[in-house]
PDB file of all heavy atoms in Angstrom:
ATOM      1  N   ARG A   1       7.358 -31.437   2.108  1.00  0.00           N
ATOM      2  CA  ARG A   1       6.578 -30.200   2.052  1.00  0.00           C
ATOM      3  C   ARG A   1       7.482 -28.978   2.053  1.00  0.00           C
ATOM      4  O   ARG A   1       7.247 -27.998   1.334  1.00  0.00           O
ATOM      5  CB  ARG A   1       5.638 -30.157   3.255  1.00  0.00           C
ATOM      6  CG  ARG A   1       4.487 -29.195   3.089  1.00  0.00           C
ATOM      7  CD  ARG A   1       3.469 -29.759   2.152  1.00  0.00           C
ATOM      8  NE  ARG A   1       2.394 -28.807   1.902  1.00  0.00           N
ATOM      9  CZ  ARG A   1       1.423 -29.005   1.036  1.00  0.00           C
ATOM     10  NH1 ARG A   1       1.376 -30.109   0.330  1.00  0.00           N
ATOM     11  NH2 ARG A   1       0.481 -28.096   0.862  1.00  0.00           N
ATOM     12  N   ALA A   2       8.534 -29.034   2.858  1.00  0.00           N
ATOM     13  CA  ALA A   2       9.467 -27.910   2.919  1.00  0.00           C
ATOM     14  C   ALA A   2      10.235 -27.758   1.613  1.00  0.00           C
ATOM     15  O   ALA A   2      10.495 -26.643   1.151  1.00  0.00           O
ATOM     16  CB  ALA A   2      10.432 -28.103   4.086  1.00  0.00           C
ATOM     17  N   PHE A   3      10.608 -28.887   1.003  1.00  0.00           N
ATOM     18  CA  PHE A   3      11.288 -28.840  -0.291  1.00  0.00           C
ATOM     19  C   PHE A   3      10.389 -28.189  -1.340  1.00  0.00           C
ATOM     20  O   PHE A   3      10.837 -27.354  -2.132  1.00  0.00           O
ATOM     21  CB  PHE A   3      11.678 -30.254  -0.724  1.00  0.00           C
ATOM     22  CG  PHE A   3      12.169 -30.345  -2.139  1.00  0.00           C
ATOM     23  CD1 PHE A   3      13.472 -29.984  -2.470  1.00  0.00           C
ATOM     24  CD2 PHE A   3      11.331 -30.795  -3.154  1.00  0.00           C
ATOM     25  CE1 PHE A   3      13.924 -30.065  -3.775  1.00  0.00           C
ATOM     26  CE2 PHE A   3      11.772 -30.883  -4.457  1.00  0.00           C
ATOM     27  CZ  PHE A   3      13.075 -30.518  -4.778  1.00  0.00           C
ATOM     28  N   LEU A   4       9.111 -28.576  -1.360  1.00  0.00           N
ATOM     29  CA  LEU A   4       8.161 -27.953  -2.282  1.00  0.00           C
ATOM     30  C   LEU A   4       8.158 -26.446  -2.096  1.00  0.00           C
ATOM     31  O   LEU A   4       8.201 -25.682  -3.079  1.00  0.00           O
ATOM     32  CB  LEU A   4       6.757 -28.517  -2.053  1.00  0.00           C
ATOM     33  CG  LEU A   4       5.609 -27.791  -2.761  1.00  0.00           C
ATOM     34  CD1 LEU A   4       5.695 -28.000  -4.264  1.00  0.00           C
ATOM     35  CD2 LEU A   4       4.260 -28.255  -2.235  1.00  0.00           C
ATOM     36  N   GLY A   5       8.112 -26.007  -0.852  1.00  0.00           N
ATOM     37  CA  GLY A   5       8.072 -24.574  -0.582  1.00  0.00           C
ATOM     38  C   GLY A   5       9.293 -23.853  -1.118  1.00  0.00           C
ATOM     39  O   GLY A   5       9.183 -22.801  -1.765  1.00  0.00           O
ATOM     40  N   ARG A   6      10.482 -24.406  -0.872  1.00  0.00           N
ATOM     41  CA  ARG A   6      11.701 -23.743  -1.341  1.00  0.00           C
ATOM     42  C   ARG A   6      11.775 -23.735  -2.863  1.00  0.00           C
ATOM     43  O   ARG A   6      12.192 -22.743  -3.478  1.00  0.00           O
ATOM     44  CB  ARG A   6      12.930 -24.434  -0.744  1.00  0.00           C
ATOM     45  CG  ARG A   6      12.982 -24.360   0.781  1.00  0.00           C
ATOM     46  CD  ARG A   6      14.352 -24.729   1.319  1.00  0.00           C
ATOM     47  NE  ARG A   6      14.812 -26.043   0.916  1.00  0.00           N
ATOM     48  CZ  ARG A   6      14.497 -27.193   1.510  1.00  0.00           C
ATOM     49  NH1 ARG A   6      13.664 -27.185   2.552  1.00  0.00           N
ATOM     50  NH2 ARG A   6      14.992 -28.350   1.097  1.00  0.00           N
ATOM     51  N   ALA A   7      11.371 -24.843  -3.487  1.00  0.00           N
ATOM     52  CA  ALA A   7      11.415 -24.926  -4.948  1.00  0.00           C
ATOM     53  C   ALA A   7      10.450 -23.927  -5.574  1.00  0.00           C
ATOM     54  O   ALA A   7      10.810 -23.207  -6.520  1.00  0.00           O
ATOM     55  CB  ALA A   7      11.098 -26.345  -5.403  1.00  0.00           C
ATOM     56  N   VAL A   8       9.226 -23.861  -5.067  1.00  0.00           N
ATOM     57  CA  VAL A   8       8.235 -22.956  -5.643  1.00  0.00           C
ATOM     58  C   VAL A   8       8.641 -21.504  -5.419  1.00  0.00           C
ATOM     59  O   VAL A   8       8.484 -20.662  -6.314  1.00  0.00           O
ATOM     60  CB  VAL A   8       6.836 -23.245  -5.059  1.00  0.00           C
ATOM     61  CG1 VAL A   8       5.841 -22.157  -5.473  1.00  0.00           C
ATOM     62  CG2 VAL A   8       6.350 -24.604  -5.529  1.00  0.00           C
ATOM     63  N   ARG A   9       9.179 -21.178  -4.257  1.00  0.00           N
ATOM     64  CA  ARG A   9       9.637 -19.807  -4.016  1.00  0.00           C
ATOM     65  C   ARG A   9      10.725 -19.413  -5.005  1.00  0.00           C
ATOM     66  O   ARG A   9      10.726 -18.298  -5.538  1.00  0.00           O
ATOM     67  CB  ARG A   9      10.150 -19.659  -2.580  1.00  0.00           C
ATOM     68  CG  ARG A   9       9.050 -19.535  -1.547  1.00  0.00           C
ATOM     69  CD  ARG A   9       9.571 -18.962  -0.241  1.00  0.00           C
ATOM     70  NE  ARG A   9      10.633 -19.771   0.345  1.00  0.00           N
ATOM     71  CZ  ARG A   9      10.422 -20.797   1.165  1.00  0.00           C
ATOM     72  NH1 ARG A   9       9.176 -21.147   1.476  1.00  0.00           N
ATOM     73  NH2 ARG A   9      11.427 -21.474   1.666  1.00  0.00           N
ATOM     74  N   HIS A  10      11.649 -20.339  -5.262  1.00  0.00           N
ATOM     75  CA  HIS A  10      12.700 -20.034  -6.237  1.00  0.00           C
ATOM     76  C   HIS A  10      12.116 -19.854  -7.632  1.00  0.00           C
ATOM     77  O   HIS A  10      12.473 -18.915  -8.354  1.00  0.00           O
ATOM     78  CB  HIS A  10      13.748 -21.156  -6.272  1.00  0.00           C
ATOM     79  CG  HIS A  10      14.688 -21.013  -7.426  1.00  0.00           C
ATOM     80  ND1 HIS A  10      15.743 -20.124  -7.433  1.00  0.00           N
ATOM     81  CD2 HIS A  10      14.704 -21.626  -8.640  1.00  0.00           C
ATOM     82  CE1 HIS A  10      16.376 -20.197  -8.592  1.00  0.00           C
ATOM     83  NE2 HIS A  10      15.764 -21.097  -9.346  1.00  0.00           N
ATOM     84  N   LEU A  11      11.215 -20.757  -8.014  1.00  0.00           N
ATOM     85  CA  LEU A  11      10.672 -20.716  -9.373  1.00  0.00           C
ATOM     86  C   LEU A  11       9.830 -19.464  -9.597  1.00  0.00           C
ATOM     87  O   LEU A  11       9.925 -18.823 -10.656  1.00  0.00           O
ATOM     88  CB  LEU A  11       9.848 -21.973  -9.636  1.00  0.00           C
ATOM     89  CG  LEU A  11      10.670 -23.268  -9.717  1.00  0.00           C
ATOM     90  CD1 LEU A  11       9.761 -24.487  -9.701  1.00  0.00           C
ATOM     91  CD2 LEU A  11      11.548 -23.272 -10.968  1.00  0.00           C
ATOM     92  N   ALA A  12       9.011 -19.107  -8.615  1.00  0.00           N
ATOM     93  CA  ALA A  12       8.180 -17.912  -8.761  1.00  0.00           C
ATOM     94  C   ALA A  12       8.996 -16.633  -8.609  1.00  0.00           C
ATOM     95  O   ALA A  12       8.637 -15.590  -9.168  1.00  0.00           O
ATOM     96  CB  ALA A  12       7.057 -17.929  -7.738  1.00  0.00           C
ATOM     97  N   GLY A  13      10.105 -16.733  -7.867  1.00  0.00           N
ATOM     98  CA  GLY A  13      10.929 -15.565  -7.629  1.00  0.00           C
ATOM     99  C   GLY A  13      12.037 -15.403  -8.644  1.00  0.00           C
ATOM    100  O   GLY A  13      11.862 -14.771  -9.692  1.00  0.00           O
ATOM    101  N   GLU A  14      13.172 -15.994  -8.346  1.00  0.00           N
ATOM    102  CA  GLU A  14      14.350 -15.817  -9.200  1.00  0.00           C
ATOM    103  C   GLU A  14      14.126 -16.290 -10.630  1.00  0.00           C
ATOM    104  O   GLU A  14      14.589 -15.667 -11.587  1.00  0.00           O
ATOM    105  CB  GLU A  14      15.530 -16.576  -8.588  1.00  0.00           C
ATOM    106  CG  GLU A  14      16.851 -16.363  -9.300  1.00  0.00           C
ATOM    107  CD  GLU A  14      17.998 -17.076  -8.597  1.00  0.00           C
ATOM    108  OE1 GLU A  14      17.911 -17.269  -7.371  1.00  0.00           O
ATOM    109  OE2 GLU A  14      18.977 -17.436  -9.280  1.00  0.00           O
ATOM    110  N   ALA A  15      13.406 -17.395 -10.819  1.00  0.00           N
ATOM    111  CA  ALA A  15      13.204 -17.939 -12.160  1.00  0.00           C
ATOM    112  C   ALA A  15      12.060 -17.264 -12.911  1.00  0.00           C
ATOM    113  O   ALA A  15      11.935 -17.436 -14.127  1.00  0.00           O
ATOM    114  CB  ALA A  15      12.945 -19.448 -12.078  1.00  0.00           C
ATOM    115  N   GLY A  16      11.204 -16.527 -12.210  1.00  0.00           N
ATOM    116  CA  GLY A  16      10.162 -15.757 -12.867  1.00  0.00           C
ATOM    117  C   GLY A  16       9.016 -16.563 -13.444  1.00  0.00           C
ATOM    118  O   GLY A  16       8.285 -16.085 -14.315  1.00  0.00           O
ATOM    119  N   VAL A  17       8.795 -17.787 -12.947  1.00  0.00           N
ATOM    120  CA  VAL A  17       7.707 -18.624 -13.457  1.00  0.00           C
ATOM    121  C   VAL A  17       6.371 -18.107 -12.920  1.00  0.00           C
ATOM    122  O   VAL A  17       6.257 -17.767 -11.742  1.00  0.00           O
ATOM    123  CB  VAL A  17       7.904 -20.099 -13.048  1.00  0.00           C
ATOM    124  CG1 VAL A  17       6.727 -20.952 -13.507  1.00  0.00           C
ATOM    125  CG2 VAL A  17       9.204 -20.637 -13.642  1.00  0.00           C
ATOM    126  N   ARG A  18       5.375 -18.082 -13.785  1.00  0.00           N
ATOM    127  CA  ARG A  18       4.052 -17.588 -13.390  1.00  0.00           C
ATOM    128  C   ARG A  18       2.955 -18.643 -13.554  1.00  0.00           C
ATOM    129  O   ARG A  18       1.782 -18.326 -13.344  1.00  0.00           O
ATOM    130  CB  ARG A  18       3.698 -16.332 -14.203  1.00  0.00           C
ATOM    131  CG  ARG A  18       4.609 -15.145 -13.914  1.00  0.00           C
ATOM    132  CD  ARG A  18       4.455 -14.691 -12.474  1.00  0.00           C
ATOM    133  NE  ARG A  18       5.340 -13.589 -12.114  1.00  0.00           N
ATOM    134  CZ  ARG A  18       6.512 -13.730 -11.529  1.00  0.00           C
ATOM    135  NH1 ARG A  18       6.971 -14.956 -11.250  1.00  0.00           N
ATOM    136  NH2 ARG A  18       7.235 -12.680 -11.214  1.00  0.00           N
ATOM    137  N   GLN A  19       3.339 -19.869 -13.941  1.00  0.00           N
ATOM    138  CA  GLN A  19       2.367 -20.932 -14.119  1.00  0.00           C
ATOM    139  C   GLN A  19       2.888 -22.218 -13.487  1.00  0.00           C
ATOM    140  O   GLN A  19       4.054 -22.581 -13.688  1.00  0.00           O
ATOM    141  CB  GLN A  19       2.095 -21.167 -15.603  1.00  0.00           C
ATOM    142  CG  GLN A  19       1.610 -19.933 -16.353  1.00  0.00           C
ATOM    143  CD  GLN A  19       1.151 -20.288 -17.760  1.00  0.00           C
ATOM    144  OE1 GLN A  19      -0.035 -20.256 -18.067  1.00  0.00           O
ATOM    145  NE2 GLN A  19       2.098 -20.625 -18.617  1.00  0.00           N
ATOM    146  N   PHE A  20       2.018 -22.914 -12.740  1.00  0.00           N
ATOM    147  CA  PHE A  20       2.406 -24.125 -12.031  1.00  0.00           C
ATOM    148  C   PHE A  20       1.372 -25.217 -12.275  1.00  0.00           C
ATOM    149  O   PHE A  20       0.171 -24.969 -12.204  1.00  0.00           O
ATOM    150  CB  PHE A  20       2.530 -23.854 -10.533  1.00  0.00           C
ATOM    151  CG  PHE A  20       3.653 -22.922 -10.177  1.00  0.00           C
ATOM    152  CD1 PHE A  20       3.501 -21.546 -10.297  1.00  0.00           C
ATOM    153  CD2 PHE A  20       4.874 -23.419  -9.742  1.00  0.00           C
ATOM    154  CE1 PHE A  20       4.541 -20.680  -9.987  1.00  0.00           C
ATOM    155  CE2 PHE A  20       5.927 -22.568  -9.435  1.00  0.00           C
ATOM    156  CZ  PHE A  20       5.755 -21.194  -9.555  1.00  0.00           C
ATOM    157  N   LEU A  21       1.876 -26.416 -12.545  1.00  0.00           N
ATOM    158  CA  LEU A  21       1.039 -27.605 -12.707  1.00  0.00           C
ATOM    159  C   LEU A  21       1.464 -28.590 -11.630  1.00  0.00           C
ATOM    160  O   LEU A  21       2.520 -29.216 -11.725  1.00  0.00           O
ATOM    161  CB  LEU A  21       1.225 -28.194 -14.107  1.00  0.00           C
ATOM    162  CG  LEU A  21       0.413 -29.453 -14.452  1.00  0.00           C
ATOM    163  CD1 LEU A  21      -1.080 -29.221 -14.294  1.00  0.00           C
ATOM    164  CD2 LEU A  21       0.743 -29.921 -15.869  1.00  0.00           C
ATOM    165  N   ASP A  22       0.647 -28.704 -10.581  1.00  0.00           N
ATOM    166  CA  ASP A  22       0.977 -29.499  -9.399  1.00  0.00           C
ATOM    167  C   ASP A  22       0.189 -30.800  -9.468  1.00  0.00           C
ATOM    168  O   ASP A  22      -1.019 -30.819  -9.225  1.00  0.00           O
ATOM    169  CB  ASP A  22       0.612 -28.690  -8.150  1.00  0.00           C
ATOM    170  CG  ASP A  22       0.971 -29.394  -6.851  1.00  0.00           C
ATOM    171  OD1 ASP A  22       1.009 -30.638  -6.832  1.00  0.00           O
ATOM    172  OD2 ASP A  22       1.188 -28.705  -5.841  1.00  0.00           O
ATOM    173  N   ILE A  23       0.874 -31.903  -9.790  1.00  0.00           N
ATOM    174  CA  ILE A  23       0.211 -33.191  -9.955  1.00  0.00           C
ATOM    175  C   ILE A  23       0.442 -34.056  -8.711  1.00  0.00           C
ATOM    176  O   ILE A  23       1.561 -34.208  -8.243  1.00  0.00           O
ATOM    177  CB  ILE A  23       0.729 -33.922 -11.207  1.00  0.00           C
ATOM    178  CG1 ILE A  23       0.470 -33.072 -12.453  1.00  0.00           C
ATOM    179  CG2 ILE A  23       0.064 -35.287 -11.356  1.00  0.00           C
ATOM    180  CD1 ILE A  23       0.974 -33.692 -13.739  1.00  0.00           C
ATOM    181  N   GLY A  24      -0.649 -34.644  -8.221  1.00  0.00           N
ATOM    182  CA  GLY A  24      -0.574 -35.393  -6.971  1.00  0.00           C
ATOM    183  C   GLY A  24      -0.657 -34.447  -5.799  1.00  0.00           C
ATOM    184  O   GLY A  24       0.087 -34.563  -4.820  1.00  0.00           O
ATOM    185  N   THR A  25      -1.590 -33.522  -5.883  1.00  0.00           N
ATOM    186  CA  THR A  25      -1.713 -32.424  -4.930  1.00  0.00           C
ATOM    187  C   THR A  25      -1.792 -32.904  -3.489  1.00  0.00           C
ATOM    188  O   THR A  25      -1.158 -32.348  -2.601  1.00  0.00           O
ATOM    189  CB  THR A  25      -2.996 -31.623  -5.249  1.00  0.00           C
ATOM    190  OG1 THR A  25      -2.935 -31.211  -6.601  1.00  0.00           O
ATOM    191  CG2 THR A  25      -3.149 -30.454  -4.332  1.00  0.00           C
ATOM    192  N   GLY A  26      -2.589 -33.928  -3.261  1.00  0.00           N
ATOM    193  CA  GLY A  26      -2.855 -34.340  -1.887  1.00  0.00           C
ATOM    194  C   GLY A  26      -3.825 -33.378  -1.233  1.00  0.00           C
ATOM    195  O   GLY A  26      -4.320 -32.426  -1.835  1.00  0.00           O
ATOM    196  N   LEU A  27      -4.125 -33.628   0.029  1.00  0.00           N
ATOM    197  CA  LEU A  27      -5.072 -32.786   0.751  1.00  0.00           C
ATOM    198  C   LEU A  27      -4.446 -31.448   1.114  1.00  0.00           C
ATOM    199  O   LEU A  27      -3.265 -31.386   1.488  1.00  0.00           O
ATOM    200  CB  LEU A  27      -5.538 -33.512   2.013  1.00  0.00           C
ATOM    201  CG  LEU A  27      -6.487 -34.665   1.723  1.00  0.00           C
ATOM    202  CD1 LEU A  27      -6.482 -35.682   2.866  1.00  0.00           C
ATOM    203  CD2 LEU A  27      -7.890 -34.154   1.478  1.00  0.00           C
ATOM    204  N   PRO A  28      -5.193 -30.369   1.005  1.00  0.00           N
ATOM    205  CA  PRO A  28      -4.643 -29.054   1.330  1.00  0.00           C
ATOM    206  C   PRO A  28      -4.144 -28.985   2.766  1.00  0.00           C
ATOM    207  O   PRO A  28      -4.801 -29.474   3.680  1.00  0.00           O
ATOM    208  CB  PRO A  28      -5.838 -28.113   1.114  1.00  0.00           C
ATOM    209  CG  PRO A  28      -6.744 -28.854   0.189  1.00  0.00           C
ATOM    210  CD  PRO A  28      -6.588 -30.303   0.545  1.00  0.00           C
ATOM    211  N   THR A  29      -2.968 -28.403   2.946  1.00  0.00           N
ATOM    212  CA  THR A  29      -2.421 -28.167   4.283  1.00  0.00           C
ATOM    213  C   THR A  29      -1.927 -26.726   4.328  1.00  0.00           C
ATOM    214  O   THR A  29      -2.411 -25.886   3.580  1.00  0.00           O
ATOM    215  CB  THR A  29      -1.271 -29.146   4.589  1.00  0.00           C
ATOM    216  OG1 THR A  29      -0.237 -28.979   3.607  1.00  0.00           O
ATOM    217  CG2 THR A  29      -1.745 -30.589   4.569  1.00  0.00           C
ATOM    218  N   VAL A  30      -0.982 -26.444   5.187  1.00  0.00           N
ATOM    219  CA  VAL A  30      -0.411 -25.104   5.246  1.00  0.00           C
ATOM    220  C   VAL A  30       0.561 -24.923   4.089  1.00  0.00           C
ATOM    221  O   VAL A  30       1.296 -25.838   3.721  1.00  0.00           O
ATOM    222  CB  VAL A  30       0.316 -24.895   6.593  1.00  0.00           C
ATOM    223  CG1 VAL A  30       0.993 -23.535   6.633  1.00  0.00           C
ATOM    224  CG2 VAL A  30      -0.672 -25.041   7.743  1.00  0.00           C
ATOM    225  N   ASP A  31       0.560 -23.741   3.496  1.00  0.00           N
ATOM    226  CA  ASP A  31       1.466 -23.395   2.406  1.00  0.00           C
ATOM    227  C   ASP A  31       1.352 -24.367   1.229  1.00  0.00           C
ATOM    228  O   ASP A  31       2.274 -25.114   0.902  1.00  0.00           O
ATOM    229  CB  ASP A  31       2.917 -23.324   2.906  1.00  0.00           C
ATOM    230  CG  ASP A  31       3.280 -21.925   3.370  1.00  0.00           C
ATOM    231  OD1 ASP A  31       2.434 -21.016   3.235  1.00  0.00           O
ATOM    232  OD2 ASP A  31       4.402 -21.732   3.850  1.00  0.00           O
ATOM    233  N   ASN A  32       0.201 -24.333   0.587  1.00  0.00           N
ATOM    234  CA  ASN A  32       0.024 -25.048  -0.659  1.00  0.00           C
ATOM    235  C   ASN A  32       0.735 -24.280  -1.777  1.00  0.00           C
ATOM    236  O   ASN A  32       1.118 -23.124  -1.614  1.00  0.00           O
ATOM    237  CB  ASN A  32      -1.463 -25.184  -0.966  1.00  0.00           C
ATOM    238  CG  ASN A  32      -2.207 -25.878   0.164  1.00  0.00           C
ATOM    239  OD1 ASN A  32      -2.079 -27.076   0.360  1.00  0.00           O
ATOM    240  ND2 ASN A  32      -2.972 -25.111   0.941  1.00  0.00           N
ATOM    241  N   THR A  33       0.891 -24.931  -2.919  1.00  0.00           N
ATOM    242  CA  THR A  33       1.667 -24.340  -4.022  1.00  0.00           C
ATOM    243  C   THR A  33       1.167 -22.948  -4.392  1.00  0.00           C
ATOM    244  O   THR A  33       1.958 -22.018  -4.583  1.00  0.00           O
ATOM    245  CB  THR A  33       1.624 -25.265  -5.241  1.00  0.00           C
ATOM    246  OG1 THR A  33       2.228 -26.517  -4.900  1.00  0.00           O
ATOM    247  CG2 THR A  33       2.369 -24.656  -6.420  1.00  0.00           C
ATOM    248  N   HIS A  34      -0.153 -22.766  -4.496  1.00  0.00           N
ATOM    249  CA  HIS A  34      -0.661 -21.459  -4.935  1.00  0.00           C
ATOM    250  C   HIS A  34      -0.372 -20.376  -3.896  1.00  0.00           C
ATOM    251  O   HIS A  34      -0.098 -19.224  -4.259  1.00  0.00           O
ATOM    252  CB  HIS A  34      -2.159 -21.534  -5.248  1.00  0.00           C
ATOM    253  CG  HIS A  34      -3.045 -21.616  -4.047  1.00  0.00           C
ATOM    254  ND1 HIS A  34      -3.169 -22.772  -3.302  1.00  0.00           N
ATOM    255  CD2 HIS A  34      -3.862 -20.688  -3.450  1.00  0.00           C
ATOM    256  CE1 HIS A  34      -4.028 -22.553  -2.308  1.00  0.00           C
ATOM    257  NE2 HIS A  34      -4.449 -21.316  -2.372  1.00  0.00           N
ATOM    258  N   GLN A  35      -0.405 -20.741  -2.620  1.00  0.00           N
ATOM    259  CA  GLN A  35      -0.138 -19.743  -1.599  1.00  0.00           C
ATOM    260  C   GLN A  35       1.320 -19.292  -1.635  1.00  0.00           C
ATOM    261  O   GLN A  35       1.624 -18.107  -1.512  1.00  0.00           O
ATOM    262  CB  GLN A  35      -0.490 -20.310  -0.222  1.00  0.00           C
ATOM    263  CG  GLN A  35      -1.981 -20.588  -0.049  1.00  0.00           C
ATOM    264  CD  GLN A  35      -2.282 -21.445   1.170  1.00  0.00           C
ATOM    265  OE1 GLN A  35      -1.578 -22.416   1.445  1.00  0.00           O
ATOM    266  NE2 GLN A  35      -3.327 -21.098   1.902  1.00  0.00           N
ATOM    267  N   ILE A  36       2.216 -20.254  -1.838  1.00  0.00           N
ATOM    268  CA  ILE A  36       3.645 -19.934  -1.910  1.00  0.00           C
ATOM    269  C   ILE A  36       3.930 -19.085  -3.141  1.00  0.00           C
ATOM    270  O   ILE A  36       4.572 -18.035  -3.065  1.00  0.00           O
ATOM    271  CB  ILE A  36       4.484 -21.225  -1.954  1.00  0.00           C
ATOM    272  CG1 ILE A  36       4.215 -22.092  -0.736  1.00  0.00           C
ATOM    273  CG2 ILE A  36       5.971 -20.894  -2.058  1.00  0.00           C
ATOM    274  CD1 ILE A  36       4.697 -23.521  -0.884  1.00  0.00           C
ATOM    275  N   ALA A  37       3.426 -19.531  -4.298  1.00  0.00           N
ATOM    276  CA  ALA A  37       3.703 -18.830  -5.552  1.00  0.00           C
ATOM    277  C   ALA A  37       3.075 -17.440  -5.559  1.00  0.00           C
ATOM    278  O   ALA A  37       3.718 -16.463  -5.987  1.00  0.00           O
ATOM    279  CB  ALA A  37       3.194 -19.652  -6.730  1.00  0.00           C
ATOM    280  N   GLN A  38       1.840 -17.323  -5.084  1.00  0.00           N
ATOM    281  CA  GLN A  38       1.150 -16.038  -5.175  1.00  0.00           C
ATOM    282  C   GLN A  38       1.613 -15.035  -4.135  1.00  0.00           C
ATOM    283  O   GLN A  38       1.360 -13.838  -4.288  1.00  0.00           O
ATOM    284  CB  GLN A  38      -0.366 -16.259  -5.111  1.00  0.00           C
ATOM    285  CG  GLN A  38      -0.900 -16.949  -6.364  1.00  0.00           C
ATOM    286  CD  GLN A  38      -2.393 -17.188  -6.345  1.00  0.00           C
ATOM    287  OE1 GLN A  38      -3.044 -17.111  -5.288  1.00  0.00           O
ATOM    288  NE2 GLN A  38      -2.965 -17.487  -7.501  1.00  0.00           N
ATOM    289  N   ARG A  39       2.299 -15.494  -3.093  1.00  0.00           N
ATOM    290  CA  ARG A  39       2.940 -14.539  -2.187  1.00  0.00           C
ATOM    291  C   ARG A  39       4.072 -13.820  -2.907  1.00  0.00           C
ATOM    292  O   ARG A  39       4.340 -12.647  -2.647  1.00  0.00           O
ATOM    293  CB  ARG A  39       3.467 -15.244  -0.937  1.00  0.00           C
ATOM    294  CG  ARG A  39       2.438 -15.393   0.165  1.00  0.00           C
ATOM    295  CD  ARG A  39       3.076 -15.632   1.519  1.00  0.00           C
ATOM    296  NE  ARG A  39       3.788 -16.888   1.585  1.00  0.00           N
ATOM    297  CZ  ARG A  39       3.246 -18.034   1.973  1.00  0.00           C
ATOM    298  NH1 ARG A  39       1.963 -18.078   2.326  1.00  0.00           N
ATOM    299  NH2 ARG A  39       3.942 -19.140   2.013  1.00  0.00           N
ATOM    300  N   VAL A  40       4.754 -14.549  -3.790  1.00  0.00           N
ATOM    301  CA  VAL A  40       5.846 -13.959  -4.564  1.00  0.00           C
ATOM    302  C   VAL A  40       5.305 -13.210  -5.775  1.00  0.00           C
ATOM    303  O   VAL A  40       5.747 -12.096  -6.087  1.00  0.00           O
ATOM    304  CB  VAL A  40       6.828 -15.057  -5.028  1.00  0.00           C
ATOM    305  CG1 VAL A  40       7.948 -14.465  -5.878  1.00  0.00           C
ATOM    306  CG2 VAL A  40       7.398 -15.806  -3.826  1.00  0.00           C
ATOM    307  N   ALA A  41       4.345 -13.847  -6.472  1.00  0.00           N
ATOM    308  CA  ALA A  41       3.783 -13.283  -7.704  1.00  0.00           C
ATOM    309  C   ALA A  41       2.263 -13.446  -7.648  1.00  0.00           C
ATOM    310  O   ALA A  41       1.744 -14.507  -7.995  1.00  0.00           O
ATOM    311  CB  ALA A  41       4.355 -13.991  -8.923  1.00  0.00           C
ATOM    312  N   PRO A  42       1.535 -12.436  -7.196  1.00  0.00           N
ATOM    313  CA  PRO A  42       0.081 -12.566  -7.038  1.00  0.00           C
ATOM    314  C   PRO A  42      -0.648 -12.966  -8.319  1.00  0.00           C
ATOM    315  O   PRO A  42      -1.747 -13.516  -8.248  1.00  0.00           O
ATOM    316  CB  PRO A  42      -0.345 -11.164  -6.578  1.00  0.00           C
ATOM    317  CG  PRO A  42       0.870 -10.594  -5.925  1.00  0.00           C
ATOM    318  CD  PRO A  42       2.026 -11.129  -6.717  1.00  0.00           C
ATOM    319  N   GLU A  43      -0.042 -12.713  -9.477  1.00  0.00           N
ATOM    320  CA  GLU A  43      -0.693 -13.051 -10.742  1.00  0.00           C
ATOM    321  C   GLU A  43      -0.460 -14.495 -11.177  1.00  0.00           C
ATOM    322  O   GLU A  43      -0.926 -14.913 -12.252  1.00  0.00           O
ATOM    323  CB  GLU A  43      -0.193 -12.103 -11.847  1.00  0.00           C
ATOM    324  CG  GLU A  43       1.245 -12.333 -12.299  1.00  0.00           C
ATOM    325  CD  GLU A  43       2.309 -11.643 -11.451  1.00  0.00           C
ATOM    326  OE1 GLU A  43       2.014 -11.345 -10.264  1.00  0.00           O
ATOM    327  OE2 GLU A  43       3.412 -11.417 -11.968  1.00  0.00           O
TER     328      GLU A  43
END
């Protein structure tokens, strides 16, 4: 889960990615992909 967070923060931040396809989501917990990405890039 922590690795996902660091990877998504980098991709939404430094790499400038604005679209994410998260396969094998699992049950929602704290800091899901959209929450991490949209904190960096709300769009």
